[in-house]
Structures are given as C-alpha cells and as structure tokens.
Amino acid sequence: GGHVAIVLDRDGADRFALRVIDDGPGIPEAELSDFTSRRFRGSEARTRRPDGQGFGLSIVVEAVARLGFTLEFRRPTDGGLEAQIAGPRA
C-alpha cells in the first residue's frame, strides 16, 4: 500500500547518487544503529516475515564498500526511509 521512488542523479561531473525513497513506517531510532548488521532483523520485519535471516542489508553494505561507494540512510521528517548509494561514475 506504500510507494517507492528510485532516483539516479549526477553528483557533480564525475559522481553519481542512487536514492531509494519509500513512505513506509521507517526504522525506529533505537534500531538504526544495528540496521545493517549481519543477522539483524527489526521488530517490524520479524512480525511481517518471521522466517527471514537478516542478511540482505549486510550483503549490500559489503558490496558497496568493495566497489568504493558510500551508503547512507536518512529518516525523512514525514516518515519512511531514504537509502543512498554514491560513488564515482565509470
């Protein structure tokens, strides 16, 4: 029932920024510090899908680091979550 936007921007002449923005419930402040840890599953995720393993974001974090990119998460003031991967353009 929510919305997701995917935005690819040029960040200067030689960099890119890929943003994924949703208007879902977001991540509680208390869970943000563990959000990308291997095997971490937030309370909402455990409720929605109790059989998950919690590997998804930890794999993304490792892949982004190996490519020399950055990964940031933001909590928009009106709710949801924004994830941004940025790095040099090839």
C-alpha atoms as a PDB file:
ATOM      1  CA  GLY A   1       0.000   0.000   0.000  1.00  0.00           C
ATOM      2  CA  GLY A   2       3.019   2.330   0.043  1.00  0.00           C
ATOM      3  CA  HIS A   3       5.173   3.995  -2.562  1.00  0.00           C
ATOM      4  CA  VAL A   4       8.825   3.662  -3.577  1.00  0.00           C
ATOM      5  CA  ALA A   5      10.798   6.089  -5.742  1.00  0.00           C
ATOM      6  CA  ILE A   6      14.173   5.327  -7.317  1.00  0.00           C
ATOM      7  CA  VAL A   7      16.195   8.384  -8.319  1.00  0.00           C
ATOM      8  CA  LEU A   8      19.539   8.406 -10.137  1.00  0.00           C
ATOM      9  CA  ASP A   9      21.335  11.775 -10.008  1.00  0.00           C
ATOM     10  CA  ARG A  10      24.642  13.118 -11.181  1.00  0.00           C
ATOM     11  CA  ASP A  11      26.561  14.418  -8.217  1.00  0.00           C
ATOM     12  CA  GLY A  12      28.968  16.759  -9.963  1.00  0.00           C
ATOM     13  CA  ALA A  13      30.638  15.852 -13.239  1.00  0.00           C
ATOM     14  CA  ASP A  14      32.208  12.601 -12.114  1.00  0.00           C
ATOM     15  CA  ARG A  15      29.973  11.143  -9.387  1.00  0.00           C
ATOM     16  CA  PHE A  16      26.533   9.587  -9.124  1.00  0.00           C
ATOM     17  CA  ALA A  17      23.948   9.200  -6.371  1.00  0.00           C
ATOM     18  CA  LEU A  18      21.301   6.467  -6.462  1.00  0.00           C
ATOM     19  CA  ARG A  19      18.489   7.071  -3.968  1.00  0.00           C
ATOM     20  CA  VAL A  20      15.667   4.740  -2.972  1.00  0.00           C
ATOM     21  CA  ILE A  21      12.920   6.526  -1.058  1.00  0.00           C
ATOM     22  CA  ASP A  22       9.812   4.988   0.472  1.00  0.00           C
ATOM     23  CA  ASP A  23       6.900   6.254   2.527  1.00  0.00           C
ATOM     24  CA  GLY A  24       6.588   3.165   4.733  1.00  0.00           C
ATOM     25  CA  PRO A  25       6.773   3.084   8.526  1.00  0.00           C
ATOM     26  CA  GLY A  26      10.529   3.754   8.540  1.00  0.00           C
ATOM     27  CA  ILE A  27      13.028   2.423  11.052  1.00  0.00           C
ATOM     28  CA  PRO A  28      12.690   3.158  14.766  1.00  0.00           C
ATOM     29  CA  GLU A  29      15.533   5.301  16.120  1.00  0.00           C
ATOM     30  CA  ALA A  30      16.520   2.551  18.564  1.00  0.00           C
ATOM     31  CA  GLU A  31      17.113   0.071  15.699  1.00  0.00           C
ATOM     32  CA  LEU A  32      19.023   2.376  13.360  1.00  0.00           C
ATOM     33  CA  SER A  33      22.481   1.642  14.786  1.00  0.00           C
ATOM     34  CA  ASP A  34      22.074  -2.129  14.165  1.00  0.00           C
ATOM     35  CA  PHE A  35      20.112  -1.771  10.924  1.00  0.00           C
ATOM     36  CA  THR A  36      22.870  -3.058   8.588  1.00  0.00           C
ATOM     37  CA  SER A  37      24.407  -5.627  10.950  1.00  0.00           C
ATOM     38  CA  ARG A  38      24.513  -9.209   9.768  1.00  0.00           C
ATOM     39  CA  ARG A  39      21.527 -11.225  11.001  1.00  0.00           C
ATOM     40  CA  PHE A  40      19.780  -8.154  12.453  1.00  0.00           C
ATOM     41  CA  ARG A  41      16.034  -8.114  11.929  1.00  0.00           C
ATOM     42  CA  GLY A  42      13.923  -5.241  13.158  1.00  0.00           C
ATOM     43  CA  SER A  43      10.729  -5.792  15.091  1.00  0.00           C
ATOM     44  CA  GLU A  44       8.577  -4.948  12.040  1.00  0.00           C
ATOM     45  CA  ALA A  45      10.490  -7.417   9.847  1.00  0.00           C
ATOM     46  CA  ARG A  46      10.148 -10.208  12.406  1.00  0.00           C
ATOM     47  CA  THR A  47       6.399  -9.592  12.568  1.00  0.00           C
ATOM     48  CA  ARG A  48       5.924  -9.480   8.775  1.00  0.00           C
ATOM     49  CA  ARG A  49       8.172 -12.402   7.908  1.00  0.00           C
ATOM     50  CA  PRO A  50       9.363 -14.499  10.859  1.00  0.00           C
ATOM     51  CA  ASP A  51      11.412 -16.853   8.652  1.00  0.00           C
ATOM     52  CA  GLY A  52      13.871 -14.234   7.295  1.00  0.00           C
ATOM     53  CA  GLN A  53      17.590 -14.436   8.021  1.00  0.00           C
ATOM     54  CA  GLY A  54      18.617 -10.759   8.141  1.00  0.00           C
ATOM     55  CA  PHE A  55      21.431 -10.966   5.579  1.00  0.00           C
ATOM     56  CA  GLY A  56      20.148  -8.589   2.874  1.00  0.00           C
ATOM     57  CA  LEU A  57      21.479  -5.233   4.017  1.00  0.00           C
ATOM     58  CA  SER A  58      24.744  -6.633   5.356  1.00  0.00           C
ATOM     59  CA  ILE A  59      25.445  -8.009   1.857  1.00  0.00           C
ATOM     60  CA  VAL A  60      24.620  -4.624   0.318  1.00  0.00           C
ATOM     61  CA  VAL A  61      26.970  -2.873   2.788  1.00  0.00           C
ATOM     62  CA  GLU A  62      29.832  -5.198   1.862  1.00  0.00           C
ATOM     63  CA  ALA A  63      29.243  -4.884  -1.899  1.00  0.00           C
ATOM     64  CA  VAL A  64      29.061  -1.088  -1.718  1.00  0.00           C
ATOM     65  CA  ALA A  65      32.307  -0.938   0.283  1.00  0.00           C
ATOM     66  CA  ARG A  66      34.125  -3.255  -2.154  1.00  0.00           C
ATOM     67  CA  LEU A  67      33.113  -1.009  -5.042  1.00  0.00           C
ATOM     68  CA  GLY A  68      34.403   2.079  -3.225  1.00  0.00           C
ATOM     69  CA  PHE A  69      30.947   3.614  -2.924  1.00  0.00           C
ATOM     70  CA  THR A  70      29.185   5.030   0.133  1.00  0.00           C
ATOM     71  CA  LEU A  71      25.856   4.001   1.617  1.00  0.00           C
ATOM     72  CA  GLU A  72      23.782   6.309   3.802  1.00  0.00           C
ATOM     73  CA  PHE A  73      20.335   6.074   5.332  1.00  0.00           C
ATOM     74  CA  ARG A  74      18.132   9.029   6.186  1.00  0.00           C
ATOM     75  CA  ARG A  75      14.852   9.267   8.009  1.00  0.00           C
ATOM     76  CA  PRO A  76      12.735  11.903   6.231  1.00  0.00           C
ATOM     77  CA  THR A  77      10.756  14.124   8.587  1.00  0.00           C
ATOM     78  CA  ASP A  78       7.457  12.990   7.036  1.00  0.00           C
ATOM     79  CA  GLY A  79       8.202   9.260   7.543  1.00  0.00           C
ATOM     80  CA  GLY A  80       9.630   6.428   5.515  1.00  0.00           C
ATOM     81  CA  LEU A  81      13.264   5.805   4.742  1.00  0.00           C
ATOM     82  CA  GLU A  82      15.775   7.019   2.160  1.00  0.00           C
ATOM     83  CA  ALA A  83      18.825   4.974   1.207  1.00  0.00           C
ATOM     84  CA  GLN A  84      21.566   6.498  -0.936  1.00  0.00           C
ATOM     85  CA  ILE A  85      24.481   4.813  -2.693  1.00  0.00           C
ATOM     86  CA  ALA A  86      27.012   7.262  -4.106  1.00  0.00           C
ATOM     87  CA  GLY A  87      30.317   6.937  -5.895  1.00  0.00           C
ATOM     88  CA  PRO A  88      32.437   7.756  -8.906  1.00  0.00           C
ATOM     89  CA  ARG A  89      30.949   7.399 -12.350  1.00  0.00           C
ATOM     90  CA  ALA A  90      32.724   4.933 -14.622  1.00  0.00           C
END
